[in-house]
Amino acid sequence: MDPGLTYAACRDSKVDVIDAFATDGRIPAFNLKVLKDDKNFFPPYYAAPVIREDTLKKHPELAEVLNLLAGKLDDKQMSALNAKVDLEKNDPQVVAREWLKSQSLI
């Protein structure tokens, strides 16, 4: 099922349980609760910078810059940023730039 439909169905009490990404901004917006996966059924999904190899060869300094992101973005922050884009309809580039500035990365 489309993620947008699953969240709406849960919000509207048409279903009681859905699977979702813990960083989705709709979880707090719809007053949903992420359950602990005590059976480790779902693998962890860690955010990681990805860059084209040819781009990195042309600009090797980007590796150092991208590594500055390490440990800066946790699930709670990612959820808040996702909500700004998905729910508040803010431009993703603007949201990203504001966050990078708030972290003194730019």
PDB file of N, CA and C in Angstrom:
ATOM      1  N   MET A   1       0.846  -1.176   0.000  1.00  0.00           N
ATOM      2  CA  MET A   1       0.000   0.000   0.000  1.00  0.00           C
ATOM      3  C   MET A   1       0.892   1.240   0.000  1.00  0.00           C
ATOM      4  N   ASP A   2       0.462   2.263  -0.668  1.00  0.00           N
ATOM      5  CA  ASP A   2       1.175   3.537  -0.712  1.00  0.00           C
ATOM      6  C   ASP A   2       1.329   4.094   0.702  1.00  0.00           C
ATOM      7  N   PRO A   3       2.553   4.546   1.078  1.00  0.00           N
ATOM      8  CA  PRO A   3       2.751   5.070   2.436  1.00  0.00           C
ATOM      9  C   PRO A   3       1.770   6.177   2.812  1.00  0.00           C
ATOM     10  N   GLY A   4       1.445   7.046   1.884  1.00  0.00           N
ATOM     11  CA  GLY A   4       0.492   8.110   2.185  1.00  0.00           C
ATOM     12  C   GLY A   4      -0.868   7.558   2.576  1.00  0.00           C
ATOM     13  N   LEU A   5      -1.268   6.480   1.922  1.00  0.00           N
ATOM     14  CA  LEU A   5      -2.554   5.857   2.238  1.00  0.00           C
ATOM     15  C   LEU A   5      -2.513   5.147   3.583  1.00  0.00           C
ATOM     16  N   THR A   6      -1.378   4.510   3.908  1.00  0.00           N
ATOM     17  CA  THR A   6      -1.305   3.792   5.186  1.00  0.00           C
ATOM     18  C   THR A   6      -1.389   4.762   6.354  1.00  0.00           C
ATOM     19  N   TYR A   7      -0.697   5.891   6.245  1.00  0.00           N
ATOM     20  CA  TYR A   7      -0.751   6.880   7.327  1.00  0.00           C
ATOM     21  C   TYR A   7      -2.162   7.446   7.476  1.00  0.00           C
ATOM     22  N   ALA A   8      -2.791   7.750   6.358  1.00  0.00           N
ATOM     23  CA  ALA A   8      -4.150   8.290   6.412  1.00  0.00           C
ATOM     24  C   ALA A   8      -5.108   7.262   7.006  1.00  0.00           C
ATOM     25  N   ALA A   9      -4.940   5.993   6.627  1.00  0.00           N
ATOM     26  CA  ALA A   9      -5.809   4.940   7.162  1.00  0.00           C
ATOM     27  C   ALA A   9      -5.624   4.799   8.670  1.00  0.00           C
ATOM     28  N   CYS A  10      -4.383   4.903   9.132  1.00  0.00           N
ATOM     29  CA  CYS A  10      -4.121   4.809  10.573  1.00  0.00           C
ATOM     30  C   CYS A  10      -4.673   6.037  11.297  1.00  0.00           C
ATOM     31  N   ARG A  11      -4.426   7.200  10.742  1.00  0.00           N
ATOM     32  CA  ARG A  11      -4.933   8.442  11.336  1.00  0.00           C
ATOM     33  C   ARG A  11      -6.450   8.419  11.450  1.00  0.00           C
ATOM     34  N   ASP A  12      -7.105   7.865  10.431  1.00  0.00           N
ATOM     35  CA  ASP A  12      -8.567   7.838  10.379  1.00  0.00           C
ATOM     36  C   ASP A  12      -9.167   6.594  11.044  1.00  0.00           C
ATOM     37  N   SER A  13      -8.349   5.853  11.786  1.00  0.00           N
ATOM     38  CA  SER A  13      -8.778   4.656  12.535  1.00  0.00           C
ATOM     39  C   SER A  13      -9.365   3.564  11.646  1.00  0.00           C
ATOM     40  N   LYS A  14      -8.918   3.494  10.396  1.00  0.00           N
ATOM     41  CA  LYS A  14      -9.356   2.413   9.508  1.00  0.00           C
ATOM     42  C   LYS A  14      -8.472   1.184   9.681  1.00  0.00           C
ATOM     43  N   VAL A  15      -7.253   1.395  10.157  1.00  0.00           N
ATOM     44  CA  VAL A  15      -6.344   0.307  10.526  1.00  0.00           C
ATOM     45  C   VAL A  15      -5.697   0.690  11.853  1.00  0.00           C
ATOM     46  N   ASP A  16      -5.195  -0.302  12.556  1.00  0.00           N
ATOM     47  CA  ASP A  16      -4.588  -0.046  13.861  1.00  0.00           C
ATOM     48  C   ASP A  16      -3.064  -0.045  13.830  1.00  0.00           C
ATOM     49  N   VAL A  17      -2.476  -0.740  12.857  1.00  0.00           N
ATOM     50  CA  VAL A  17      -1.024  -0.900  12.796  1.00  0.00           C
ATOM     51  C   VAL A  17      -0.563  -0.739  11.355  1.00  0.00           C
ATOM     52  N   ILE A  18       0.551  -0.045  11.165  1.00  0.00           N
ATOM     53  CA  ILE A  18       1.182   0.065   9.848  1.00  0.00           C
ATOM     54  C   ILE A  18       2.686  -0.108  10.034  1.00  0.00           C
ATOM     55  N   ASP A  19       3.383  -0.409   8.948  1.00  0.00           N
ATOM     56  CA  ASP A  19       4.840  -0.358   9.010  1.00  0.00           C
ATOM     57  C   ASP A  19       5.258   0.975   8.408  1.00  0.00           C
ATOM     58  N   ALA A  20       6.309   1.551   8.966  1.00  0.00           N
ATOM     59  CA  ALA A  20       6.705   2.900   8.566  1.00  0.00           C
ATOM     60  C   ALA A  20       8.179   3.115   8.871  1.00  0.00           C
ATOM     61  N   PHE A  21       8.727   4.167   8.324  1.00  0.00           N
ATOM     62  CA  PHE A  21      10.078   4.584   8.678  1.00  0.00           C
ATOM     63  C   PHE A  21       9.985   5.442   9.935  1.00  0.00           C
ATOM     64  N   ALA A  22      10.814   5.161  10.910  1.00  0.00           N
ATOM     65  CA  ALA A  22      10.769   5.880  12.188  1.00  0.00           C
ATOM     66  C   ALA A  22      11.028   7.370  12.029  1.00  0.00           C
ATOM     67  N   THR A  23      11.609   7.775  10.908  1.00  0.00           N
ATOM     68  CA  THR A  23      11.934   9.187  10.689  1.00  0.00           C
ATOM     69  C   THR A  23      10.856   9.936   9.912  1.00  0.00           C
ATOM     70  N   ASP A  24       9.737   9.296   9.652  1.00  0.00           N
ATOM     71  CA  ASP A  24       8.668   9.953   8.897  1.00  0.00           C
ATOM     72  C   ASP A  24       8.010  11.021   9.761  1.00  0.00           C
ATOM     73  N   GLY A  25       7.892  12.210   9.232  1.00  0.00           N
ATOM     74  CA  GLY A  25       7.319  13.334   9.965  1.00  0.00           C
ATOM     75  C   GLY A  25       5.848  13.189  10.291  1.00  0.00           C
ATOM     76  N   ARG A  26       5.167  12.264   9.624  1.00  0.00           N
ATOM     77  CA  ARG A  26       3.745  12.069   9.898  1.00  0.00           C
ATOM     78  C   ARG A  26       3.507  11.339  11.215  1.00  0.00           C
ATOM     79  N   ILE A  27       4.510  10.644  11.714  1.00  0.00           N
ATOM     80  CA  ILE A  27       4.334   9.892  12.962  1.00  0.00           C
ATOM     81  C   ILE A  27       3.965  10.827  14.110  1.00  0.00           C
ATOM     82  N   PRO A  28       4.771  11.849  14.411  1.00  0.00           N
ATOM     83  CA  PRO A  28       4.350  12.758  15.487  1.00  0.00           C
ATOM     84  C   PRO A  28       3.143  13.612  15.101  1.00  0.00           C
ATOM     85  N   ALA A  29       3.041  13.963  13.827  1.00  0.00           N
ATOM     86  CA  ALA A  29       1.930  14.814  13.395  1.00  0.00           C
ATOM     87  C   ALA A  29       0.582  14.122  13.567  1.00  0.00           C
ATOM     88  N   PHE A  30       0.563  12.803  13.404  1.00  0.00           N
ATOM     89  CA  PHE A  30      -0.681  12.047  13.530  1.00  0.00           C
ATOM     90  C   PHE A  30      -0.800  11.386  14.903  1.00  0.00           C
ATOM     91  N   ASN A  31       0.059  11.758  15.838  1.00  0.00           N
ATOM     92  CA  ASN A  31       0.060  11.175  17.191  1.00  0.00           C
ATOM     93  C   ASN A  31       0.199   9.658  17.173  1.00  0.00           C
ATOM     94  N   LEU A  32       1.090   9.159  16.312  1.00  0.00           N
ATOM     95  CA  LEU A  32       1.355   7.729  16.257  1.00  0.00           C
ATOM     96  C   LEU A  32       2.559   7.412  17.135  1.00  0.00           C
ATOM     97  N   LYS A  33       2.725   6.169  17.482  1.00  0.00           N
ATOM     98  CA  LYS A  33       3.838   5.749  18.326  1.00  0.00           C
ATOM     99  C   LYS A  33       4.630   4.670  17.598  1.00  0.00           C
ATOM    100  N   VAL A  34       5.948   4.830  17.586  1.00  0.00           N
ATOM    101  CA  VAL A  34       6.825   3.808  17.022  1.00  0.00           C
ATOM    102  C   VAL A  34       7.052   2.750  18.097  1.00  0.00           C
ATOM    103  N   LEU A  35       6.742   1.515  17.760  1.00  0.00           N
ATOM    104  CA  LEU A  35       6.926   0.421  18.707  1.00  0.00           C
ATOM    105  C   LEU A  35       8.367  -0.077  18.665  1.00  0.00           C
ATOM    106  N   LYS A  36       8.846  -0.577  19.794  1.00  0.00           N
ATOM    107  CA  LYS A  36      10.184  -1.149  19.860  1.00  0.00           C
ATOM    108  C   LYS A  36      10.170  -2.480  19.116  1.00  0.00           C
ATOM    109  N   ASP A  37      11.126  -2.660  18.248  1.00  0.00           N
ATOM    110  CA  ASP A  37      11.257  -3.894  17.477  1.00  0.00           C
ATOM    111  C   ASP A  37      12.138  -4.863  18.268  1.00  0.00           C
ATOM    112  N   ASP A  38      11.569  -5.470  19.304  1.00  0.00           N
ATOM    113  CA  ASP A  38      12.360  -6.330  20.192  1.00  0.00           C
ATOM    114  C   ASP A  38      12.762  -7.654  19.550  1.00  0.00           C
ATOM    115  N   LYS A  39      12.238  -7.961  18.383  1.00  0.00           N
ATOM    116  CA  LYS A  39      12.620  -9.174  17.646  1.00  0.00           C
ATOM    117  C   LYS A  39      13.624  -8.852  16.533  1.00  0.00           C
ATOM    118  N   ASN A  40      13.960  -7.579  16.390  1.00  0.00           N
ATOM    119  CA  ASN A  40      14.891  -7.135  15.342  1.00  0.00           C
ATOM    120  C   ASN A  40      14.462  -7.610  13.957  1.00  0.00           C
ATOM    121  N   PHE A  41      13.166  -7.535  13.710  1.00  0.00           N
ATOM    122  CA  PHE A  41      12.630  -7.930  12.412  1.00  0.00           C
ATOM    123  C   PHE A  41      13.048  -6.952  11.321  1.00  0.00           C
ATOM    124  N   PHE A  42      12.953  -5.655  11.630  1.00  0.00           N
ATOM    125  CA  PHE A  42      13.285  -4.631  10.648  1.00  0.00           C
ATOM    126  C   PHE A  42      14.756  -4.245  10.786  1.00  0.00           C
ATOM    127  N   PRO A  43      15.484  -4.198   9.672  1.00  0.00           N
ATOM    128  CA  PRO A  43      16.887  -3.773   9.759  1.00  0.00           C
ATOM    129  C   PRO A  43      16.958  -2.273  10.018  1.00  0.00           C
ATOM    130  N   PRO A  44      18.060  -1.818  10.614  1.00  0.00           N
ATOM    131  CA  PRO A  44      18.211  -0.371  10.810  1.00  0.00           C
ATOM    132  C   PRO A  44      18.426   0.317   9.457  1.00  0.00           C
ATOM    133  N   TYR A  45      17.896   1.485   9.333  1.00  0.00           N
ATOM    134  CA  TYR A  45      18.063   2.290   8.122  1.00  0.00           C
ATOM    135  C   TYR A  45      18.785   3.567   8.513  1.00  0.00           C
ATOM    136  N   TYR A  46      20.086   3.555   8.338  1.00  0.00           N
ATOM    137  CA  TYR A  46      20.885   4.707   8.728  1.00  0.00           C
ATOM    138  C   TYR A  46      21.067   5.645   7.546  1.00  0.00           C
ATOM    139  N   ALA A  47      20.931   6.926   7.812  1.00  0.00           N
ATOM    140  CA  ALA A  47      21.196   7.917   6.771  1.00  0.00           C
ATOM    141  C   ALA A  47      22.698   7.945   6.508  1.00  0.00           C
ATOM    142  N   ALA A  48      23.063   7.998   5.253  1.00  0.00           N
ATOM    143  CA  ALA A  48      24.476   8.048   4.890  1.00  0.00           C
ATOM    144  C   ALA A  48      24.634   8.869   3.620  1.00  0.00           C
ATOM    145  N   PRO A  49      25.680   9.686   3.554  1.00  0.00           N
ATOM    146  CA  PRO A  49      25.910  10.431   2.318  1.00  0.00           C
ATOM    147  C   PRO A  49      26.333   9.475   1.202  1.00  0.00           C
ATOM    148  N   VAL A  50      25.808   9.705   0.025  1.00  0.00           N
ATOM    149  CA  VAL A  50      26.144   8.902  -1.148  1.00  0.00           C
ATOM    150  C   VAL A  50      26.578   9.865  -2.239  1.00  0.00           C
ATOM    151  N   ILE A  51      27.683   9.524  -2.898  1.00  0.00           N
ATOM    152  CA  ILE A  51      28.215  10.404  -3.937  1.00  0.00           C
ATOM    153  C   ILE A  51      28.704   9.553  -5.101  1.00  0.00           C
ATOM    154  N   ARG A  52      28.559  10.065  -6.284  1.00  0.00           N
ATOM    155  CA  ARG A  52      29.052   9.360  -7.466  1.00  0.00           C
ATOM    156  C   ARG A  52      30.572   9.291  -7.410  1.00  0.00           C
ATOM    157  N   GLU A  53      31.124   8.146  -7.776  1.00  0.00           N
ATOM    158  CA  GLU A  53      32.570   7.949  -7.720  1.00  0.00           C
ATOM    159  C   GLU A  53      33.312   8.945  -8.608  1.00  0.00           C
ATOM    160  N   ASP A  54      32.779   9.206  -9.809  1.00  0.00           N
ATOM    161  CA  ASP A  54      33.459  10.152 -10.697  1.00  0.00           C
ATOM    162  C   ASP A  54      33.441  11.572 -10.126  1.00  0.00           C
ATOM    163  N   THR A  55      32.373  11.924  -9.422  1.00  0.00           N
ATOM    164  CA  THR A  55      32.316  13.241  -8.778  1.00  0.00           C
ATOM    165  C   THR A  55      33.349  13.333  -7.669  1.00  0.00           C
ATOM    166  N   LEU A  56      33.485  12.274  -6.883  1.00  0.00           N
ATOM    167  CA  LEU A  56      34.467  12.266  -5.801  1.00  0.00           C
ATOM    168  C   LEU A  56      35.895  12.323  -6.342  1.00  0.00           C
ATOM    169  N   LYS A  57      36.127  11.684  -7.484  1.00  0.00           N
ATOM    170  CA  LYS A  57      37.463  11.751  -8.102  1.00  0.00           C
ATOM    171  C   LYS A  57      37.774  13.173  -8.556  1.00  0.00           C
ATOM    172  N   LYS A  58      36.773  13.867  -9.075  1.00  0.00           N
ATOM    173  CA  LYS A  58      36.971  15.254  -9.521  1.00  0.00           C
ATOM    174  C   LYS A  58      37.104  16.212  -8.346  1.00  0.00           C
ATOM    175  N   HIS A  59      36.404  15.899  -7.251  1.00  0.00           N
ATOM    176  CA  HIS A  59      36.371  16.789  -6.081  1.00  0.00           C
ATOM    177  C   HIS A  59      36.606  15.983  -4.801  1.00  0.00           C
ATOM    178  N   PRO A  60      37.829  15.496  -4.580  1.00  0.00           N
ATOM    179  CA  PRO A  60      38.091  14.655  -3.407  1.00  0.00           C
ATOM    180  C   PRO A  60      37.844  15.364  -2.073  1.00  0.00           C
ATOM    181  N   GLU A  61      37.846  16.687  -2.088  1.00  0.00           N
ATOM    182  CA  GLU A  61      37.596  17.441  -0.852  1.00  0.00           C
ATOM    183  C   GLU A  61      36.167  17.239  -0.337  1.00  0.00           C
ATOM    184  N   LEU A  62      35.279  16.751  -1.199  1.00  0.00           N
ATOM    185  CA  LEU A  62      33.895  16.526  -0.782  1.00  0.00           C
ATOM    186  C   LEU A  62      33.778  15.431   0.275  1.00  0.00           C
ATOM    187  N   ALA A  63      34.694  14.472   0.271  1.00  0.00           N
ATOM    188  CA  ALA A  63      34.644  13.402   1.274  1.00  0.00           C
ATOM    189  C   ALA A  63      34.748  13.990   2.678  1.00  0.00           C
ATOM    190  N   GLU A  64      35.676  14.901   2.873  1.00  0.00           N
ATOM    191  CA  GLU A  64      35.854  15.529   4.187  1.00  0.00           C
ATOM    192  C   GLU A  64      34.619  16.341   4.575  1.00  0.00           C
ATOM    193  N   VAL A  65      34.077  17.058   3.615  1.00  0.00           N
ATOM    194  CA  VAL A  65      32.890  17.878   3.876  1.00  0.00           C
ATOM    195  C   VAL A  65      31.698  16.989   4.248  1.00  0.00           C
ATOM    196  N   LEU A  66      31.488  15.923   3.488  1.00  0.00           N
ATOM    197  CA  LEU A  66      30.361  15.027   3.771  1.00  0.00           C
ATOM    198  C   LEU A  66      30.532  14.315   5.106  1.00  0.00           C
ATOM    199  N   ASN A  67      31.768  14.017   5.477  1.00  0.00           N
ATOM    200  CA  ASN A  67      32.016  13.357   6.768  1.00  0.00           C
ATOM    201  C   ASN A  67      31.675  14.252   7.951  1.00  0.00           C
ATOM    202  N   LEU A  68      31.580  15.553   7.728  1.00  0.00           N
ATOM    203  CA  LEU A  68      31.173  16.461   8.803  1.00  0.00           C
ATOM    204  C   LEU A  68      29.734  16.198   9.255  1.00  0.00           C
ATOM    205  N   LEU A  69      28.963  15.536   8.400  1.00  0.00           N
ATOM    206  CA  LEU A  69      27.576  15.211   8.748  1.00  0.00           C
ATOM    207  C   LEU A  69      27.480  14.086   9.779  1.00  0.00           C
ATOM    208  N   ALA A  70      28.529  13.302   9.913  1.00  0.00           N
ATOM    209  CA  ALA A  70      28.507  12.130  10.797  1.00  0.00           C
ATOM    210  C   ALA A  70      28.096  12.518  12.211  1.00  0.00           C
ATOM    211  N   GLY A  71      27.092  11.824  12.711  1.00  0.00           N
ATOM    212  CA  GLY A  71      26.634  12.037  14.075  1.00  0.00           C
ATOM    213  C   GLY A  71      25.818  13.293  14.300  1.00  0.00           C
ATOM    214  N   LYS A  72      25.551  14.041  13.253  1.00  0.00           N
ATOM    215  CA  LYS A  72      24.818  15.307  13.407  1.00  0.00           C
ATOM    216  C   LYS A  72      23.307  15.150  13.258  1.00  0.00           C
ATOM    217  N   LEU A  73      22.872  14.107  12.589  1.00  0.00           N
ATOM    218  CA  LEU A  73      21.459  13.990  12.228  1.00  0.00           C
ATOM    219  C   LEU A  73      20.876  12.712  12.829  1.00  0.00           C
ATOM    220  N   ASP A  74      20.092  12.858  13.894  1.00  0.00           N
ATOM    221  CA  ASP A  74      19.469  11.690  14.514  1.00  0.00           C
ATOM    222  C   ASP A  74      18.030  11.529  14.004  1.00  0.00           C
ATOM    223  N   ASP A  75      17.381  10.452  14.432  1.00  0.00           N
ATOM    224  CA  ASP A  75      16.024  10.159  13.951  1.00  0.00           C
ATOM    225  C   ASP A  75      15.036  11.275  14.272  1.00  0.00           C
ATOM    226  N   LYS A  76      15.156  11.862  15.460  1.00  0.00           N
ATOM    227  CA  LYS A  76      14.229  12.927  15.861  1.00  0.00           C
ATOM    228  C   LYS A  76      14.378  14.142  14.943  1.00  0.00           C
ATOM    229  N   GLN A  77      15.624  14.523  14.653  1.00  0.00           N
ATOM    230  CA  GLN A  77      15.851  15.661  13.759  1.00  0.00           C
ATOM    231  C   GLN A  77      15.378  15.342  12.345  1.00  0.00           C
ATOM    232  N   MET A  78      15.666  14.116  11.877  1.00  0.00           N
ATOM    233  CA  MET A  78      15.249  13.719  10.537  1.00  0.00           C
ATOM    234  C   MET A  78      13.731  13.750  10.428  1.00  0.00           C
ATOM    235  N   SER A  79      13.040  13.301  11.456  1.00  0.00           N
ATOM    236  CA  SER A  79      11.580  13.325  11.470  1.00  0.00           C
ATOM    237  C   SER A  79      11.058  14.754  11.381  1.00  0.00           C
ATOM    238  N   ALA A  80      11.669  15.655  12.138  1.00  0.00           N
ATOM    239  CA  ALA A  80      11.247  17.064  12.113  1.00  0.00           C
ATOM    240  C   ALA A  80      11.489  17.680  10.741  1.00  0.00           C
ATOM    241  N   LEU A  81      12.621  17.367  10.132  1.00  0.00           N
ATOM    242  CA  LEU A  81      12.921  17.896   8.799  1.00  0.00           C
ATOM    243  C   LEU A  81      11.957  17.322   7.768  1.00  0.00           C
ATOM    244  N   ASN A  82      11.679  16.027   7.864  1.00  0.00           N
ATOM    245  CA  ASN A  82      10.715  15.409   6.948  1.00  0.00           C
ATOM    246  C   ASN A  82       9.336  16.041   7.087  1.00  0.00           C
ATOM    247  N   ALA A  83       8.932  16.352   8.307  1.00  0.00           N
ATOM    248  CA  ALA A  83       7.629  16.991   8.523  1.00  0.00           C
ATOM    249  C   ALA A  83       7.585  18.364   7.862  1.00  0.00           C
ATOM    250  N   LYS A  84       8.676  19.114   7.937  1.00  0.00           N
ATOM    251  CA  LYS A  84       8.706  20.438   7.301  1.00  0.00           C
ATOM    252  C   LYS A  84       8.483  20.336   5.799  1.00  0.00           C
ATOM    253  N   VAL A  85       9.004  19.271   5.205  1.00  0.00           N
ATOM    254  CA  VAL A  85       8.857  19.090   3.760  1.00  0.00           C
ATOM    255  C   VAL A  85       7.515  18.443   3.422  1.00  0.00           C
ATOM    256  N   ASP A  86       7.218  17.312   4.056  1.00  0.00           N
ATOM    257  CA  ASP A  86       6.034  16.530   3.680  1.00  0.00           C
ATOM    258  C   ASP A  86       4.719  17.117   4.170  1.00  0.00           C
ATOM    259  N   LEU A  87       4.713  17.679   5.361  1.00  0.00           N
ATOM    260  CA  LEU A  87       3.464  18.179   5.939  1.00  0.00           C
ATOM    261  C   LEU A  87       3.289  19.678   5.769  1.00  0.00           C
ATOM    262  N   GLU A  88       4.378  20.418   5.975  1.00  0.00           N
ATOM    263  CA  GLU A  88       4.293  21.874   5.874  1.00  0.00           C
ATOM    264  C   GLU A  88       4.561  22.371   4.459  1.00  0.00           C
ATOM    265  N   LYS A  89       4.960  21.449   3.578  1.00  0.00           N
ATOM    266  CA  LYS A  89       5.187  21.738   2.149  1.00  0.00           C
ATOM    267  C   LYS A  89       6.295  22.762   1.913  1.00  0.00           C
ATOM    268  N   ASN A  90       7.303  22.783   2.798  1.00  0.00           N
ATOM    269  CA  ASN A  90       8.462  23.648   2.583  1.00  0.00           C
ATOM    270  C   ASN A  90       9.362  23.037   1.519  1.00  0.00           C
ATOM    271  N   ASP A  91      10.100  23.875   0.829  1.00  0.00           N
ATOM    272  CA  ASP A  91      11.029  23.430  -0.198  1.00  0.00           C
ATOM    273  C   ASP A  91      12.158  22.624   0.458  1.00  0.00           C
ATOM    274  N   PRO A  92      12.436  21.402  -0.026  1.00  0.00           N
ATOM    275  CA  PRO A  92      13.486  20.582   0.579  1.00  0.00           C
ATOM    276  C   PRO A  92      14.853  21.261   0.611  1.00  0.00           C
ATOM    277  N   GLN A  93      15.189  22.008  -0.441  1.00  0.00           N
ATOM    278  CA  GLN A  93      16.486  22.694  -0.461  1.00  0.00           C
ATOM    279  C   GLN A  93      16.563  23.764   0.617  1.00  0.00           C
ATOM    280  N   VAL A  94      15.477  24.460   0.837  1.00  0.00           N
ATOM    281  CA  VAL A  94      15.445  25.499   1.872  1.00  0.00           C
ATOM    282  C   VAL A  94      15.563  24.858   3.253  1.00  0.00           C
ATOM    283  N   VAL A  95      14.828  23.780   3.477  1.00  0.00           N
ATOM    284  CA  VAL A  95      14.876  23.076   4.761  1.00  0.00           C
ATOM    285  C   VAL A  95      16.289  22.558   5.021  1.00  0.00           C
ATOM    286  N   ALA A  96      16.887  21.952   4.011  1.00  0.00           N
ATOM    287  CA  ALA A  96      18.246  21.416   4.170  1.00  0.00           C
ATOM    288  C   ALA A  96      19.244  22.532   4.456  1.00  0.00           C
ATOM    289  N   ARG A  97      19.149  23.617   3.720  1.00  0.00           N
ATOM    290  CA  ARG A  97      20.076  24.736   3.918  1.00  0.00           C
ATOM    291  C   ARG A  97      19.934  25.321   5.328  1.00  0.00           C
ATOM    292  N   GLU A  98      18.706  25.491   5.791  1.00  0.00           N
ATOM    293  CA  GLU A  98      18.483  26.023   7.145  1.00  0.00           C
ATOM    294  C   GLU A  98      19.078  25.092   8.201  1.00  0.00           C
ATOM    295  N   TRP A  99      18.908  23.777   8.005  1.00  0.00           N
ATOM    296  CA  TRP A  99      19.456  22.827   8.969  1.00  0.00           C
ATOM    297  C   TRP A  99      20.983  22.865   8.947  1.00  0.00           C
ATOM    298  N   LEU A 100      21.564  22.887   7.753  1.00  0.00           N
ATOM    299  CA  LEU A 100      23.028  22.953   7.646  1.00  0.00           C
ATOM    300  C   LEU A 100      23.569  24.209   8.327  1.00  0.00           C
ATOM    301  N   LYS A 101      22.876  25.318   8.160  1.00  0.00           N
ATOM    302  CA  LYS A 101      23.288  26.558   8.835  1.00  0.00           C
ATOM    303  C   LYS A 101      23.166  26.416  10.345  1.00  0.00           C
ATOM    304  N   SER A 102      22.083  25.798  10.811  1.00  0.00           N
ATOM    305  CA  SER A 102      21.882  25.644  12.258  1.00  0.00           C
ATOM    306  C   SER A 102      22.951  24.757  12.895  1.00  0.00           C
ATOM    307  N   GLN A 103      23.569  23.907  12.086  1.00  0.00           N
ATOM    308  CA  GLN A 103      24.624  23.018  12.567  1.00  0.00           C
ATOM    309  C   GLN A 103      26.019  23.589  12.305  1.00  0.00           C
ATOM    310  N   SER A 104      26.053  24.836  11.804  1.00  0.00           N
ATOM    311  CA  SER A 104      27.321  25.507  11.454  1.00  0.00           C
ATOM    312  C   SER A 104      28.131  24.712  10.433  1.00  0.00           C
ATOM    313  N   LEU A 105      27.420  24.064   9.518  1.00  0.00           N
ATOM    314  CA  LEU A 105      28.093  23.313   8.462  1.00  0.00           C
ATOM    315  C   LEU A 105      28.254  24.140   7.196  1.00  0.00           C
ATOM    316  N   ILE A 106      27.480  25.208   7.088  1.00  0.00           N
ATOM    317  CA  ILE A 106      27.664  26.170   5.989  1.00  0.00           C
ATOM    318  C   ILE A 106      27.510  27.570   6.562  1.00  0.00           C
TER     319      ILE A 106
END
